[in-house]
Amino acid sequence: MTLKASGLSVGVSHSAVVVENLTRTQIVQYAGASGDYNPLHTDEVFATQIAGYPSVFAHGMLTMGLTGKMLTDYVGDCRLTRFGGRFTSQVWPGDTLTSTATVTAIRAENGVSLVDFDVVTENQSGDAVFSGSATARLD
């Protein structure tokens, strides 16, 4: 079933778990896919002993990508017209992330129905790790 603007109202939220128990392997796989081999993400010794972090941590863009997948799963492929945000906290191996999109506006622009969302991704402790916004064309 295709999501339509007429079926939504301001304040409606959709949530989905986007990763359970994030592994170091998944972080390294993302490094390979993105070409970002910063040792903070891939080298435990560097991250802990040199940089002083408790462990390696996920790339911010991995978190954003997982959040974006929740959005496209919800609104449908090729329907996002805008998506952006900021990384608000680090994501560590073992974290489980849940993303939520909340409708903030439903509007028409040039005859097209657009829905604006606030988006937040939280870890298992309820700490926001990503916050942003998105707009989708939902005819």
N, C-alpha and C. Protein backbone atom coordinates (compact mmCIF):
# COMPACT_ATOMS: atom_id res chain seq x y z
N MET A 1 0.83 -1.18 0.00
CA MET A 1 0.00 0.00 0.00
C MET A 1 0.88 1.25 0.00
N THR A 2 0.58 2.19 -0.87
CA THR A 2 1.35 3.41 -1.01
C THR A 2 0.89 4.45 0.00
N LEU A 3 1.82 5.03 0.73
CA LEU A 3 1.53 6.07 1.69
C LEU A 3 1.10 7.33 0.94
N LYS A 4 0.01 7.96 1.37
CA LYS A 4 -0.49 9.17 0.74
C LYS A 4 -0.60 10.28 1.78
N ALA A 5 -0.43 11.51 1.33
CA ALA A 5 -0.54 12.67 2.21
C ALA A 5 -1.92 12.72 2.85
N SER A 6 -2.94 12.34 2.10
CA SER A 6 -4.31 12.40 2.63
C SER A 6 -4.53 11.44 3.79
N GLY A 7 -3.66 10.45 3.94
CA GLY A 7 -3.78 9.49 5.04
C GLY A 7 -2.98 9.88 6.27
N LEU A 8 -2.36 11.06 6.24
CA LEU A 8 -1.52 11.51 7.36
C LEU A 8 -2.09 12.78 7.98
N SER A 9 -1.64 13.07 9.18
CA SER A 9 -1.97 14.33 9.83
C SER A 9 -0.76 14.78 10.64
N VAL A 10 -0.69 16.07 10.90
CA VAL A 10 0.42 16.62 11.68
C VAL A 10 0.45 15.93 13.04
N GLY A 11 1.64 15.52 13.45
CA GLY A 11 1.82 14.84 14.73
C GLY A 11 1.92 13.33 14.63
N VAL A 12 1.51 12.77 13.50
CA VAL A 12 1.60 11.32 13.32
C VAL A 12 3.08 10.93 13.23
N SER A 13 3.45 9.85 13.92
CA SER A 13 4.84 9.38 13.92
C SER A 13 4.92 7.94 13.43
N HIS A 14 6.06 7.64 12.85
CA HIS A 14 6.39 6.28 12.43
C HIS A 14 7.78 5.97 12.96
N SER A 15 7.94 4.82 13.61
CA SER A 15 9.24 4.41 14.16
C SER A 15 9.61 3.04 13.65
N ALA A 16 10.92 2.80 13.54
CA ALA A 16 11.42 1.49 13.16
C ALA A 16 12.82 1.31 13.74
N VAL A 17 13.11 0.10 14.18
CA VAL A 17 14.48 -0.25 14.57
C VAL A 17 15.29 -0.37 13.28
N VAL A 18 16.39 0.37 13.20
CA VAL A 18 17.19 0.36 11.97
C VAL A 18 18.44 -0.50 12.09
N VAL A 19 18.86 -0.79 13.31
CA VAL A 19 19.95 -1.75 13.51
C VAL A 19 19.87 -2.23 14.95
N GLU A 20 20.06 -3.53 15.12
CA GLU A 20 20.13 -4.13 16.45
C GLU A 20 21.54 -4.61 16.69
N ASN A 21 22.10 -4.24 17.84
CA ASN A 21 23.43 -4.71 18.23
C ASN A 21 24.45 -4.47 17.11
N LEU A 22 24.65 -3.21 16.75
CA LEU A 22 25.60 -2.85 15.71
C LEU A 22 26.96 -3.49 15.99
N THR A 23 27.53 -4.14 14.99
CA THR A 23 28.81 -4.84 15.18
C THR A 23 29.98 -4.05 14.62
N ARG A 24 31.17 -4.36 15.12
CA ARG A 24 32.38 -3.77 14.55
C ARG A 24 32.51 -4.16 13.08
N THR A 25 32.10 -5.36 12.75
CA THR A 25 32.16 -5.81 11.36
C THR A 25 31.31 -4.92 10.47
N GLN A 26 30.11 -4.57 10.91
CA GLN A 26 29.25 -3.68 10.13
C GLN A 26 29.90 -2.30 9.95
N ILE A 27 30.55 -1.81 10.99
CA ILE A 27 31.24 -0.52 10.90
C ILE A 27 32.37 -0.60 9.88
N VAL A 28 33.15 -1.67 9.91
CA VAL A 28 34.26 -1.84 8.97
C VAL A 28 33.71 -2.04 7.55
N GLN A 29 32.61 -2.76 7.42
CA GLN A 29 31.99 -2.92 6.09
C GLN A 29 31.57 -1.56 5.54
N TYR A 30 31.03 -0.69 6.39
CA TYR A 30 30.66 0.64 5.93
C TYR A 30 31.91 1.43 5.52
N ALA A 31 32.99 1.27 6.27
CA ALA A 31 34.24 1.95 5.89
C ALA A 31 34.64 1.55 4.47
N GLY A 32 34.53 0.26 4.18
CA GLY A 32 34.87 -0.21 2.84
C GLY A 32 33.93 0.32 1.78
N ALA A 33 32.65 0.36 2.08
CA ALA A 33 31.66 0.84 1.11
C ALA A 33 31.81 2.34 0.87
N SER A 34 32.15 3.09 1.92
CA SER A 34 32.22 4.55 1.79
C SER A 34 33.61 5.04 1.41
N GLY A 35 34.64 4.22 1.65
CA GLY A 35 36.01 4.65 1.42
C GLY A 35 36.57 5.48 2.56
N ASP A 36 35.83 5.56 3.66
CA ASP A 36 36.26 6.34 4.83
C ASP A 36 36.90 5.40 5.84
N TYR A 37 38.23 5.31 5.78
CA TYR A 37 38.97 4.41 6.66
C TYR A 37 39.60 5.14 7.84
N ASN A 38 38.99 6.21 8.29
CA ASN A 38 39.49 6.92 9.46
C ASN A 38 39.68 5.90 10.58
N PRO A 39 40.86 5.83 11.20
CA PRO A 39 41.11 4.81 12.21
C PRO A 39 40.21 4.93 13.45
N LEU A 40 39.54 6.05 13.64
CA LEU A 40 38.59 6.16 14.74
C LEU A 40 37.44 5.16 14.57
N HIS A 41 37.20 4.76 13.33
CA HIS A 41 36.10 3.84 13.03
C HIS A 41 36.55 2.39 12.87
N THR A 42 37.85 2.18 12.64
CA THR A 42 38.29 0.84 12.26
C THR A 42 39.42 0.26 13.10
N ASP A 43 40.09 1.07 13.87
CA ASP A 43 41.29 0.62 14.59
C ASP A 43 41.08 0.81 16.09
N GLU A 44 40.78 -0.28 16.78
CA GLU A 44 40.48 -0.24 18.22
C GLU A 44 41.64 0.37 19.02
N VAL A 45 42.88 0.00 18.70
CA VAL A 45 44.04 0.52 19.44
C VAL A 45 44.14 2.03 19.24
N PHE A 46 44.01 2.49 18.01
CA PHE A 46 44.08 3.93 17.74
C PHE A 46 42.96 4.66 18.49
N ALA A 47 41.73 4.15 18.37
CA ALA A 47 40.58 4.82 18.98
C ALA A 47 40.71 4.92 20.50
N THR A 48 41.21 3.86 21.13
CA THR A 48 41.26 3.84 22.59
C THR A 48 42.55 4.43 23.16
N GLN A 49 43.69 3.98 22.65
CA GLN A 49 44.96 4.35 23.27
C GLN A 49 45.52 5.67 22.77
N ILE A 50 45.22 6.02 21.54
CA ILE A 50 45.76 7.27 20.99
C ILE A 50 44.73 8.41 21.09
N ALA A 51 43.49 8.12 20.67
CA ALA A 51 42.46 9.17 20.64
C ALA A 51 41.69 9.28 21.95
N GLY A 52 41.75 8.26 22.80
CA GLY A 52 41.12 8.33 24.11
C GLY A 52 39.63 8.01 24.16
N TYR A 53 39.10 7.40 23.11
CA TYR A 53 37.69 6.99 23.11
C TYR A 53 37.56 5.62 23.76
N PRO A 54 36.37 5.25 24.20
CA PRO A 54 36.20 3.93 24.80
C PRO A 54 36.25 2.78 23.79
N SER A 55 36.09 3.09 22.51
CA SER A 55 36.07 2.07 21.46
C SER A 55 36.06 2.78 20.12
N VAL A 56 36.09 2.01 19.05
CA VAL A 56 35.79 2.57 17.74
C VAL A 56 34.32 2.99 17.76
N PHE A 57 33.93 3.83 16.82
CA PHE A 57 32.51 4.22 16.74
C PHE A 57 32.11 4.34 15.27
N ALA A 58 30.81 4.29 15.05
CA ALA A 58 30.28 4.30 13.69
C ALA A 58 30.46 5.65 13.03
N HIS A 59 30.57 5.62 11.72
CA HIS A 59 30.59 6.83 10.91
C HIS A 59 29.23 7.53 11.06
N GLY A 60 29.26 8.84 11.13
CA GLY A 60 28.00 9.58 11.16
C GLY A 60 27.13 9.27 9.96
N MET A 61 27.75 9.14 8.80
CA MET A 61 26.98 8.88 7.59
C MET A 61 26.36 7.48 7.59
N LEU A 62 26.92 6.54 8.36
CA LEU A 62 26.26 5.24 8.51
C LEU A 62 24.95 5.43 9.26
N THR A 63 24.98 6.22 10.32
CA THR A 63 23.76 6.51 11.08
C THR A 63 22.74 7.22 10.19
N MET A 64 23.19 8.19 9.41
CA MET A 64 22.29 8.91 8.53
C MET A 64 21.71 7.97 7.46
N GLY A 65 22.55 7.09 6.94
CA GLY A 65 22.07 6.14 5.94
C GLY A 65 21.01 5.20 6.50
N LEU A 66 21.22 4.72 7.71
CA LEU A 66 20.22 3.85 8.35
C LEU A 66 18.91 4.61 8.58
N THR A 67 19.04 5.88 8.98
CA THR A 67 17.86 6.72 9.18
C THR A 67 17.14 6.94 7.84
N GLY A 68 17.91 7.19 6.80
CA GLY A 68 17.32 7.38 5.47
C GLY A 68 16.60 6.14 4.98
N LYS A 69 17.11 4.97 5.31
CA LYS A 69 16.44 3.73 4.91
C LYS A 69 15.08 3.62 5.59
N MET A 70 15.00 4.01 6.86
CA MET A 70 13.70 4.02 7.54
C MET A 70 12.73 4.92 6.78
N LEU A 71 13.22 6.10 6.37
CA LEU A 71 12.36 7.04 5.66
C LEU A 71 11.87 6.47 4.33
N THR A 72 12.78 5.93 3.54
CA THR A 72 12.36 5.40 2.23
C THR A 72 11.50 4.15 2.39
N ASP A 73 11.74 3.36 3.42
CA ASP A 73 10.84 2.22 3.68
C ASP A 73 9.44 2.73 4.00
N TYR A 74 9.34 3.85 4.68
CA TYR A 74 8.06 4.41 5.10
C TYR A 74 7.34 5.12 3.95
N VAL A 75 8.02 6.05 3.29
CA VAL A 75 7.35 6.87 2.27
C VAL A 75 7.42 6.27 0.88
N GLY A 76 8.35 5.37 0.64
CA GLY A 76 8.51 4.75 -0.67
C GLY A 76 9.77 5.26 -1.36
N ASP A 77 10.30 4.42 -2.22
CA ASP A 77 11.51 4.78 -2.97
C ASP A 77 11.25 5.97 -3.88
N CYS A 78 12.26 6.78 -4.05
CA CYS A 78 12.25 7.92 -4.98
C CYS A 78 11.24 8.99 -4.61
N ARG A 79 10.81 9.06 -3.35
CA ARG A 79 9.80 10.05 -2.97
C ARG A 79 10.37 11.14 -2.05
N LEU A 80 11.56 10.92 -1.52
CA LEU A 80 12.18 11.97 -0.70
C LEU A 80 12.66 13.10 -1.61
N THR A 81 12.32 14.32 -1.25
CA THR A 81 12.82 15.46 -2.00
C THR A 81 13.89 16.23 -1.23
N ARG A 82 13.95 15.97 0.09
CA ARG A 82 14.94 16.64 0.93
C ARG A 82 15.15 15.78 2.17
N PHE A 83 16.41 15.69 2.61
CA PHE A 83 16.74 14.95 3.84
C PHE A 83 18.08 15.47 4.34
N GLY A 84 18.10 15.89 5.59
CA GLY A 84 19.34 16.39 6.17
C GLY A 84 19.26 16.35 7.67
N GLY A 85 20.39 16.57 8.30
CA GLY A 85 20.39 16.56 9.75
C GLY A 85 21.79 16.71 10.30
N ARG A 86 21.88 16.42 11.58
CA ARG A 86 23.19 16.51 12.24
C ARG A 86 23.37 15.32 13.17
N PHE A 87 24.62 14.99 13.36
CA PHE A 87 24.99 13.89 14.24
C PHE A 87 25.11 14.46 15.65
N THR A 88 24.35 13.92 16.59
CA THR A 88 24.28 14.53 17.91
C THR A 88 25.01 13.73 18.98
N SER A 89 25.36 12.49 18.67
CA SER A 89 26.10 11.66 19.62
C SER A 89 26.71 10.49 18.87
N GLN A 90 27.76 9.94 19.43
CA GLN A 90 28.41 8.81 18.77
C GLN A 90 27.59 7.53 18.89
N VAL A 91 27.77 6.67 17.91
CA VAL A 91 27.13 5.36 17.88
C VAL A 91 28.23 4.32 18.07
N TRP A 92 28.05 3.47 19.07
CA TRP A 92 29.08 2.51 19.47
C TRP A 92 28.71 1.10 19.06
N PRO A 93 29.70 0.23 18.93
CA PRO A 93 29.39 -1.19 18.72
C PRO A 93 28.46 -1.67 19.85
N GLY A 94 27.47 -2.45 19.48
CA GLY A 94 26.51 -2.95 20.45
C GLY A 94 25.24 -2.12 20.53
N ASP A 95 25.26 -0.91 19.97
CA ASP A 95 24.08 -0.05 20.02
C ASP A 95 22.95 -0.61 19.16
N THR A 96 21.73 -0.39 19.62
CA THR A 96 20.53 -0.64 18.85
C THR A 96 19.91 0.72 18.58
N LEU A 97 19.61 1.00 17.33
CA LEU A 97 19.10 2.32 16.94
C LEU A 97 17.67 2.24 16.44
N THR A 98 16.86 3.18 16.88
CA THR A 98 15.48 3.31 16.44
C THR A 98 15.29 4.70 15.86
N SER A 99 14.74 4.76 14.66
CA SER A 99 14.48 6.04 13.99
C SER A 99 12.99 6.34 14.00
N THR A 100 12.67 7.61 14.19
CA THR A 100 11.28 8.06 14.21
C THR A 100 11.12 9.27 13.30
N ALA A 101 10.10 9.23 12.46
CA ALA A 101 9.73 10.37 11.61
C ALA A 101 8.37 10.86 12.09
N THR A 102 8.27 12.16 12.36
CA THR A 102 7.03 12.77 12.83
C THR A 102 6.59 13.84 11.84
N VAL A 103 5.36 13.76 11.39
CA VAL A 103 4.83 14.73 10.43
C VAL A 103 4.72 16.10 11.10
N THR A 104 5.33 17.11 10.46
CA THR A 104 5.26 18.48 10.98
C THR A 104 4.41 19.39 10.10
N ALA A 105 4.24 19.02 8.82
CA ALA A 105 3.42 19.83 7.93
C ALA A 105 3.00 18.99 6.72
N ILE A 106 1.82 19.30 6.21
CA ILE A 106 1.33 18.71 4.96
C ILE A 106 0.92 19.90 4.10
N ARG A 107 1.49 19.97 2.91
CA ARG A 107 1.26 21.16 2.09
C ARG A 107 1.27 20.81 0.61
N ALA A 108 0.77 21.71 -0.19
CA ALA A 108 0.81 21.55 -1.64
C ALA A 108 1.75 22.61 -2.19
N GLU A 109 2.53 22.21 -3.15
CA GLU A 109 3.45 23.14 -3.81
C GLU A 109 3.47 22.80 -5.29
N ASN A 110 3.07 23.74 -6.11
CA ASN A 110 2.98 23.53 -7.56
C ASN A 110 2.17 22.29 -7.90
N GLY A 111 1.08 22.09 -7.18
CA GLY A 111 0.19 20.97 -7.45
C GLY A 111 0.67 19.62 -6.93
N VAL A 112 1.74 19.63 -6.15
CA VAL A 112 2.31 18.39 -5.61
C VAL A 112 2.10 18.38 -4.09
N SER A 113 1.65 17.25 -3.56
CA SER A 113 1.48 17.11 -2.11
C SER A 113 2.82 16.77 -1.48
N LEU A 114 3.23 17.61 -0.52
CA LEU A 114 4.49 17.40 0.18
C LEU A 114 4.22 17.24 1.67
N VAL A 115 4.98 16.36 2.30
CA VAL A 115 4.87 16.14 3.73
C VAL A 115 6.25 16.38 4.34
N ASP A 116 6.28 17.23 5.35
CA ASP A 116 7.52 17.53 6.07
C ASP A 116 7.57 16.69 7.35
N PHE A 117 8.76 16.22 7.67
CA PHE A 117 8.97 15.38 8.84
C PHE A 117 10.12 15.92 9.69
N ASP A 118 9.99 15.81 11.00
CA ASP A 118 11.14 15.87 11.90
C ASP A 118 11.59 14.43 12.07
N VAL A 119 12.89 14.22 12.08
CA VAL A 119 13.44 12.86 12.16
C VAL A 119 14.44 12.81 13.30
N VAL A 120 14.35 11.75 14.09
CA VAL A 120 15.33 11.54 15.16
C VAL A 120 15.66 10.05 15.22
N THR A 121 16.93 9.76 15.45
CA THR A 121 17.36 8.38 15.68
C THR A 121 17.97 8.34 17.07
N GLU A 122 17.51 7.36 17.85
CA GLU A 122 17.96 7.22 19.24
C GLU A 122 18.58 5.86 19.45
N ASN A 123 19.50 5.80 20.42
CA ASN A 123 20.07 4.52 20.81
C ASN A 123 19.16 3.84 21.84
N GLN A 124 19.58 2.69 22.30
CA GLN A 124 18.79 1.89 23.23
C GLN A 124 18.54 2.58 24.56
N SER A 125 19.32 3.61 24.88
CA SER A 125 19.14 4.37 26.12
C SER A 125 18.22 5.57 25.93
N GLY A 126 17.76 5.78 24.69
CA GLY A 126 16.90 6.93 24.41
C GLY A 126 17.66 8.20 24.11
N ASP A 127 18.99 8.09 23.93
CA ASP A 127 19.80 9.26 23.59
C ASP A 127 19.76 9.48 22.09
N ALA A 128 19.48 10.72 21.67
CA ALA A 128 19.47 11.05 20.25
C ALA A 128 20.88 10.97 19.70
N VAL A 129 21.05 10.27 18.59
CA VAL A 129 22.35 10.19 17.92
C VAL A 129 22.32 10.90 16.58
N PHE A 130 21.11 11.19 16.08
CA PHE A 130 20.93 11.93 14.83
C PHE A 130 19.60 12.66 14.92
N SER A 131 19.58 13.91 14.48
CA SER A 131 18.31 14.63 14.38
C SER A 131 18.32 15.44 13.09
N GLY A 132 17.15 15.50 12.48
CA GLY A 132 17.08 16.22 11.22
C GLY A 132 15.66 16.39 10.74
N SER A 133 15.55 16.58 9.44
CA SER A 133 14.25 16.78 8.82
C SER A 133 14.27 16.19 7.42
N ALA A 134 13.06 16.00 6.90
CA ALA A 134 12.92 15.44 5.57
C ALA A 134 11.61 15.93 4.97
N THR A 135 11.55 15.91 3.66
CA THR A 135 10.33 16.20 2.93
C THR A 135 10.14 15.11 1.90
N ALA A 136 8.88 14.66 1.76
CA ALA A 136 8.56 13.61 0.79
C ALA A 136 7.38 14.04 -0.06
N ARG A 137 7.43 13.66 -1.32
CA ARG A 137 6.32 13.86 -2.25
C ARG A 137 5.37 12.68 -2.06
N LEU A 138 4.20 12.97 -1.53
CA LEU A 138 3.24 11.91 -1.24
C LEU A 138 1.90 12.24 -1.89
N ASP A 139 1.81 12.04 -3.19
CA ASP A 139 0.58 12.34 -3.95
C ASP A 139 -0.58 11.51 -3.48
